[in-house]
């Protein structure tokens, strides 16, 4: 169950990281409120997951999910670079996330 909670926390991290782009420096109320709610939700779920998971593993997986997800969102939503090198490094990050979970 902790892994599912951690996955949800990571997905909310993707949401708030992506949402930052839409807040326009927190000058747009609705995107700012939604982004703030995603931040709080992500942290709350992370805090639940670390009740049973080691902090180093949980935090590493959480950050990794957020990083990969935000990078993919940037490519899809904001026309950021999808170079072979960038995608390869994202692949390495996914391998690292899987490795952290596998060695838990």
N, C-alpha and C. Protein backbone atom coordinates (compact mmCIF):
# COMPACT_ATOMS: atom_id res chain seq x y z
N UNK A 1 0.81 -1.20 0.00
CA UNK A 1 0.00 0.00 0.00
C UNK A 1 0.86 1.27 0.00
N UNK A 2 1.98 1.24 0.72
CA UNK A 2 2.85 2.41 0.78
C UNK A 2 3.40 2.77 -0.60
N UNK A 3 3.64 1.77 -1.42
CA UNK A 3 4.16 2.04 -2.77
C UNK A 3 3.11 2.72 -3.64
N UNK A 4 1.86 2.36 -3.48
CA UNK A 4 0.78 3.01 -4.23
C UNK A 4 0.65 4.46 -3.78
N UNK A 5 0.71 4.68 -2.47
CA UNK A 5 0.65 6.04 -1.93
C UNK A 5 1.82 6.86 -2.46
N UNK A 6 3.00 6.25 -2.50
CA UNK A 6 4.18 6.95 -3.01
C UNK A 6 4.03 7.27 -4.49
N UNK A 7 3.49 6.36 -5.26
CA UNK A 7 3.24 6.62 -6.69
C UNK A 7 2.30 7.81 -6.85
N UNK A 8 1.22 7.83 -6.07
CA UNK A 8 0.28 8.95 -6.14
C UNK A 8 0.96 10.27 -5.74
N UNK A 9 1.81 10.21 -4.71
CA UNK A 9 2.56 11.40 -4.31
C UNK A 9 3.45 11.90 -5.45
N UNK A 10 4.09 10.97 -6.14
CA UNK A 10 4.93 11.33 -7.28
C UNK A 10 4.13 11.93 -8.42
N UNK A 11 2.95 11.39 -8.68
CA UNK A 11 2.10 11.95 -9.73
C UNK A 11 1.62 13.35 -9.38
N UNK A 12 1.33 13.58 -8.10
CA UNK A 12 0.97 14.94 -7.68
C UNK A 12 2.18 15.88 -7.79
N UNK A 13 3.37 15.34 -7.61
CA UNK A 13 4.56 16.18 -7.81
C UNK A 13 4.67 16.60 -9.27
N UNK A 14 4.39 15.68 -10.17
CA UNK A 14 4.37 16.03 -11.60
C UNK A 14 3.34 17.14 -11.84
N UNK A 15 2.17 17.00 -11.22
CA UNK A 15 1.09 17.99 -11.41
C UNK A 15 1.52 19.36 -10.93
N UNK A 16 2.14 19.43 -9.73
CA UNK A 16 2.49 20.77 -9.24
C UNK A 16 3.68 21.35 -9.99
N UNK A 17 4.61 20.52 -10.38
CA UNK A 17 5.77 21.03 -11.13
C UNK A 17 5.30 21.59 -12.48
N UNK A 18 4.41 20.86 -13.12
CA UNK A 18 3.85 21.32 -14.39
C UNK A 18 2.97 22.54 -14.17
N UNK A 19 2.21 22.53 -13.10
CA UNK A 19 1.32 23.65 -12.77
C UNK A 19 2.05 24.95 -12.56
N UNK A 20 3.29 24.88 -12.09
CA UNK A 20 4.06 26.11 -11.89
C UNK A 20 4.13 26.95 -13.16
N UNK A 21 4.22 26.28 -14.29
CA UNK A 21 4.30 26.98 -15.57
C UNK A 21 3.03 27.79 -15.83
N UNK A 22 1.90 27.25 -15.39
CA UNK A 22 0.61 27.89 -15.64
C UNK A 22 0.28 28.98 -14.63
N UNK A 23 0.99 29.04 -13.50
CA UNK A 23 0.67 30.05 -12.49
C UNK A 23 1.15 31.45 -12.87
N UNK A 24 2.08 31.52 -13.82
CA UNK A 24 2.67 32.80 -14.23
C UNK A 24 3.20 33.55 -13.01
N UNK A 25 4.04 32.84 -12.25
CA UNK A 25 4.65 33.44 -11.05
C UNK A 25 3.63 33.65 -9.94
N UNK A 26 2.67 32.76 -9.87
CA UNK A 26 1.58 32.82 -8.88
C UNK A 26 0.74 34.09 -9.01
N UNK A 27 0.61 34.57 -10.24
CA UNK A 27 -0.25 35.73 -10.49
C UNK A 27 -1.62 35.33 -11.03
N UNK A 28 -1.78 34.06 -11.39
CA UNK A 28 -3.07 33.57 -11.89
C UNK A 28 -3.71 32.74 -10.78
N UNK A 29 -4.85 33.17 -10.25
CA UNK A 29 -5.43 32.54 -9.05
C UNK A 29 -5.76 31.06 -9.18
N UNK A 30 -6.52 30.65 -10.17
CA UNK A 30 -6.92 29.24 -10.23
C UNK A 30 -5.74 28.30 -10.41
N UNK A 31 -4.86 28.53 -11.38
CA UNK A 31 -3.69 27.64 -11.48
C UNK A 31 -2.83 27.66 -10.20
N UNK A 32 -2.76 28.81 -9.54
CA UNK A 32 -1.97 28.91 -8.31
C UNK A 32 -2.59 28.08 -7.20
N UNK A 33 -3.90 28.13 -7.06
CA UNK A 33 -4.59 27.34 -6.03
C UNK A 33 -4.44 25.85 -6.31
N UNK A 34 -4.63 25.46 -7.56
CA UNK A 34 -4.51 24.04 -7.92
C UNK A 34 -3.08 23.54 -7.71
N UNK A 35 -2.11 24.36 -8.07
CA UNK A 35 -0.71 23.98 -7.88
C UNK A 35 -0.39 23.85 -6.39
N UNK A 36 -0.87 24.79 -5.59
CA UNK A 36 -0.66 24.72 -4.14
C UNK A 36 -1.30 23.49 -3.53
N UNK A 37 -2.50 23.15 -3.99
CA UNK A 37 -3.17 21.95 -3.49
C UNK A 37 -2.39 20.69 -3.87
N UNK A 38 -1.83 20.68 -5.08
CA UNK A 38 -1.03 19.52 -5.50
C UNK A 38 0.24 19.40 -4.66
N UNK A 39 0.86 20.53 -4.31
CA UNK A 39 2.06 20.51 -3.46
C UNK A 39 1.71 19.91 -2.10
N UNK A 40 0.65 20.41 -1.49
CA UNK A 40 0.25 19.93 -0.17
C UNK A 40 -0.10 18.44 -0.24
N UNK A 41 -0.87 18.06 -1.25
CA UNK A 41 -1.26 16.65 -1.39
C UNK A 41 -0.06 15.75 -1.60
N UNK A 42 0.88 16.19 -2.43
CA UNK A 42 2.08 15.40 -2.68
C UNK A 42 2.89 15.19 -1.41
N UNK A 43 3.08 16.26 -0.66
CA UNK A 43 3.85 16.15 0.59
C UNK A 43 3.11 15.29 1.62
N UNK A 44 1.79 15.45 1.70
CA UNK A 44 1.02 14.65 2.66
C UNK A 44 1.13 13.16 2.33
N UNK A 45 1.01 12.82 1.06
CA UNK A 45 1.11 11.41 0.67
C UNK A 45 2.53 10.88 0.87
N UNK A 46 3.53 11.70 0.57
CA UNK A 46 4.91 11.29 0.83
C UNK A 46 5.11 11.01 2.31
N UNK A 47 4.56 11.86 3.15
CA UNK A 47 4.73 11.66 4.60
C UNK A 47 4.05 10.37 5.06
N UNK A 48 2.95 10.00 4.42
CA UNK A 48 2.31 8.72 4.75
C UNK A 48 3.17 7.54 4.29
N UNK A 49 3.74 7.65 3.10
CA UNK A 49 4.54 6.55 2.56
C UNK A 49 5.78 6.29 3.40
N UNK A 50 6.39 7.35 3.94
CA UNK A 50 7.64 7.15 4.70
C UNK A 50 7.39 6.60 6.10
N UNK A 51 6.14 6.40 6.44
CA UNK A 51 5.86 5.71 7.71
C UNK A 51 6.39 4.28 7.65
N UNK A 52 6.34 3.67 6.47
CA UNK A 52 6.77 2.28 6.34
C UNK A 52 7.95 2.09 5.40
N UNK A 53 8.20 3.03 4.51
CA UNK A 53 9.32 2.91 3.57
C UNK A 53 10.51 3.70 4.08
N UNK A 54 11.72 3.25 3.78
CA UNK A 54 12.91 4.02 4.15
C UNK A 54 12.88 5.40 3.47
N UNK A 55 13.26 6.43 4.18
CA UNK A 55 13.19 7.79 3.66
C UNK A 55 14.05 7.96 2.40
N UNK A 56 15.23 7.39 2.38
CA UNK A 56 16.10 7.53 1.21
C UNK A 56 15.49 6.91 -0.04
N UNK A 57 14.90 5.75 0.11
CA UNK A 57 14.24 5.09 -1.01
C UNK A 57 13.00 5.85 -1.44
N UNK A 58 12.15 6.18 -0.48
CA UNK A 58 10.89 6.87 -0.80
C UNK A 58 11.16 8.23 -1.44
N UNK A 59 12.06 8.99 -0.87
CA UNK A 59 12.35 10.32 -1.41
C UNK A 59 12.96 10.21 -2.81
N UNK A 60 13.88 9.28 -2.99
CA UNK A 60 14.50 9.10 -4.30
C UNK A 60 13.48 8.72 -5.37
N UNK A 61 12.58 7.82 -5.03
CA UNK A 61 11.55 7.40 -5.98
C UNK A 61 10.59 8.57 -6.25
N UNK A 62 10.20 9.28 -5.21
CA UNK A 62 9.28 10.42 -5.34
C UNK A 62 9.88 11.49 -6.26
N UNK A 63 11.12 11.85 -6.00
CA UNK A 63 11.79 12.86 -6.83
C UNK A 63 11.96 12.35 -8.26
N UNK A 64 12.30 11.08 -8.40
CA UNK A 64 12.48 10.51 -9.73
C UNK A 64 11.19 10.53 -10.55
N UNK A 65 10.09 10.13 -9.92
CA UNK A 65 8.80 10.17 -10.62
C UNK A 65 8.50 11.61 -11.04
N UNK A 66 8.71 12.55 -10.12
CA UNK A 66 8.46 13.95 -10.44
C UNK A 66 9.34 14.46 -11.56
N UNK A 67 10.60 14.10 -11.54
CA UNK A 67 11.54 14.56 -12.56
C UNK A 67 11.19 14.00 -13.93
N UNK A 68 10.98 12.69 -14.00
CA UNK A 68 10.64 12.08 -15.28
C UNK A 68 9.31 12.62 -15.79
N UNK A 69 8.32 12.68 -14.90
CA UNK A 69 7.01 13.16 -15.32
C UNK A 69 7.03 14.61 -15.77
N UNK A 70 7.74 15.47 -15.05
CA UNK A 70 7.82 16.88 -15.42
C UNK A 70 8.56 17.05 -16.75
N UNK A 71 9.60 16.26 -16.95
CA UNK A 71 10.33 16.34 -18.22
C UNK A 71 9.45 15.90 -19.39
N UNK A 72 8.69 14.83 -19.19
CA UNK A 72 7.78 14.36 -20.24
C UNK A 72 6.67 15.40 -20.47
N UNK A 73 6.14 15.96 -19.40
CA UNK A 73 5.12 17.01 -19.54
C UNK A 73 5.69 18.20 -20.31
N UNK A 74 6.92 18.56 -20.03
CA UNK A 74 7.57 19.66 -20.75
C UNK A 74 7.68 19.38 -22.24
N UNK A 75 8.01 18.14 -22.57
CA UNK A 75 8.12 17.76 -23.97
C UNK A 75 6.75 17.82 -24.65
N UNK A 76 5.75 17.25 -23.98
CA UNK A 76 4.41 17.15 -24.57
C UNK A 76 3.67 18.49 -24.58
N UNK A 77 3.72 19.21 -23.47
CA UNK A 77 2.91 20.42 -23.33
C UNK A 77 3.60 21.71 -23.75
N UNK A 78 4.92 21.76 -23.60
CA UNK A 78 5.62 23.02 -23.79
C UNK A 78 6.68 22.97 -24.89
N UNK A 79 6.63 21.93 -25.70
CA UNK A 79 7.52 21.79 -26.85
C UNK A 79 9.01 21.87 -26.47
N UNK A 80 9.34 21.29 -25.31
CA UNK A 80 10.74 21.23 -24.90
C UNK A 80 11.46 20.15 -25.68
N UNK A 81 12.75 20.18 -25.64
CA UNK A 81 13.58 19.26 -26.42
C UNK A 81 13.29 17.79 -26.09
N UNK A 82 13.21 16.98 -27.14
CA UNK A 82 13.08 15.53 -26.99
C UNK A 82 14.24 14.86 -27.69
N UNK A 83 15.44 15.39 -27.46
CA UNK A 83 16.62 14.85 -28.12
C UNK A 83 16.89 13.43 -27.64
N UNK A 84 17.62 12.71 -28.44
CA UNK A 84 17.97 11.33 -28.10
C UNK A 84 18.70 11.29 -26.76
N UNK A 85 19.62 12.21 -26.55
CA UNK A 85 20.38 12.24 -25.29
C UNK A 85 19.45 12.48 -24.10
N UNK A 86 18.54 13.43 -24.23
CA UNK A 86 17.62 13.73 -23.13
C UNK A 86 16.75 12.51 -22.81
N UNK A 87 16.22 11.88 -23.83
CA UNK A 87 15.39 10.69 -23.62
C UNK A 87 16.21 9.54 -23.03
N UNK A 88 17.45 9.41 -23.44
CA UNK A 88 18.32 8.36 -22.89
C UNK A 88 18.56 8.59 -21.40
N UNK A 89 18.81 9.84 -21.02
CA UNK A 89 19.04 10.13 -19.60
C UNK A 89 17.76 9.95 -18.78
N UNK A 90 16.62 10.26 -19.36
CA UNK A 90 15.37 9.98 -18.67
C UNK A 90 15.19 8.48 -18.49
N UNK A 91 15.61 7.71 -19.50
CA UNK A 91 15.58 6.25 -19.38
C UNK A 91 16.47 5.76 -18.26
N UNK A 92 17.64 6.35 -18.12
CA UNK A 92 18.53 5.98 -17.02
C UNK A 92 17.90 6.30 -15.66
N UNK A 93 17.21 7.42 -15.60
CA UNK A 93 16.53 7.79 -14.36
C UNK A 93 15.44 6.79 -14.02
N UNK A 94 14.71 6.33 -15.02
CA UNK A 94 13.68 5.31 -14.79
C UNK A 94 14.32 4.02 -14.27
N UNK A 95 15.46 3.65 -14.83
CA UNK A 95 16.18 2.46 -14.35
C UNK A 95 16.59 2.66 -12.90
N UNK A 96 17.04 3.85 -12.53
CA UNK A 96 17.43 4.13 -11.15
C UNK A 96 16.23 4.03 -10.21
N UNK A 97 15.07 4.53 -10.63
CA UNK A 97 13.86 4.44 -9.81
C UNK A 97 13.50 2.98 -9.58
N UNK A 98 13.52 2.21 -10.64
CA UNK A 98 13.22 0.77 -10.52
C UNK A 98 14.24 0.09 -9.61
N UNK A 99 15.51 0.48 -9.75
CA UNK A 99 16.56 -0.09 -8.90
C UNK A 99 16.35 0.22 -7.43
N UNK A 100 15.93 1.45 -7.12
CA UNK A 100 15.66 1.80 -5.72
C UNK A 100 14.53 0.95 -5.15
N UNK A 101 13.50 0.76 -5.96
CA UNK A 101 12.39 -0.06 -5.47
C UNK A 101 12.80 -1.52 -5.32
N UNK A 102 13.55 -2.01 -6.29
CA UNK A 102 13.94 -3.42 -6.27
C UNK A 102 14.89 -3.76 -5.12
N UNK A 103 15.67 -2.78 -4.70
CA UNK A 103 16.64 -3.04 -3.62
C UNK A 103 16.13 -2.63 -2.25
N UNK A 104 14.86 -2.28 -2.17
CA UNK A 104 14.25 -1.88 -0.89
C UNK A 104 14.25 -3.02 0.07
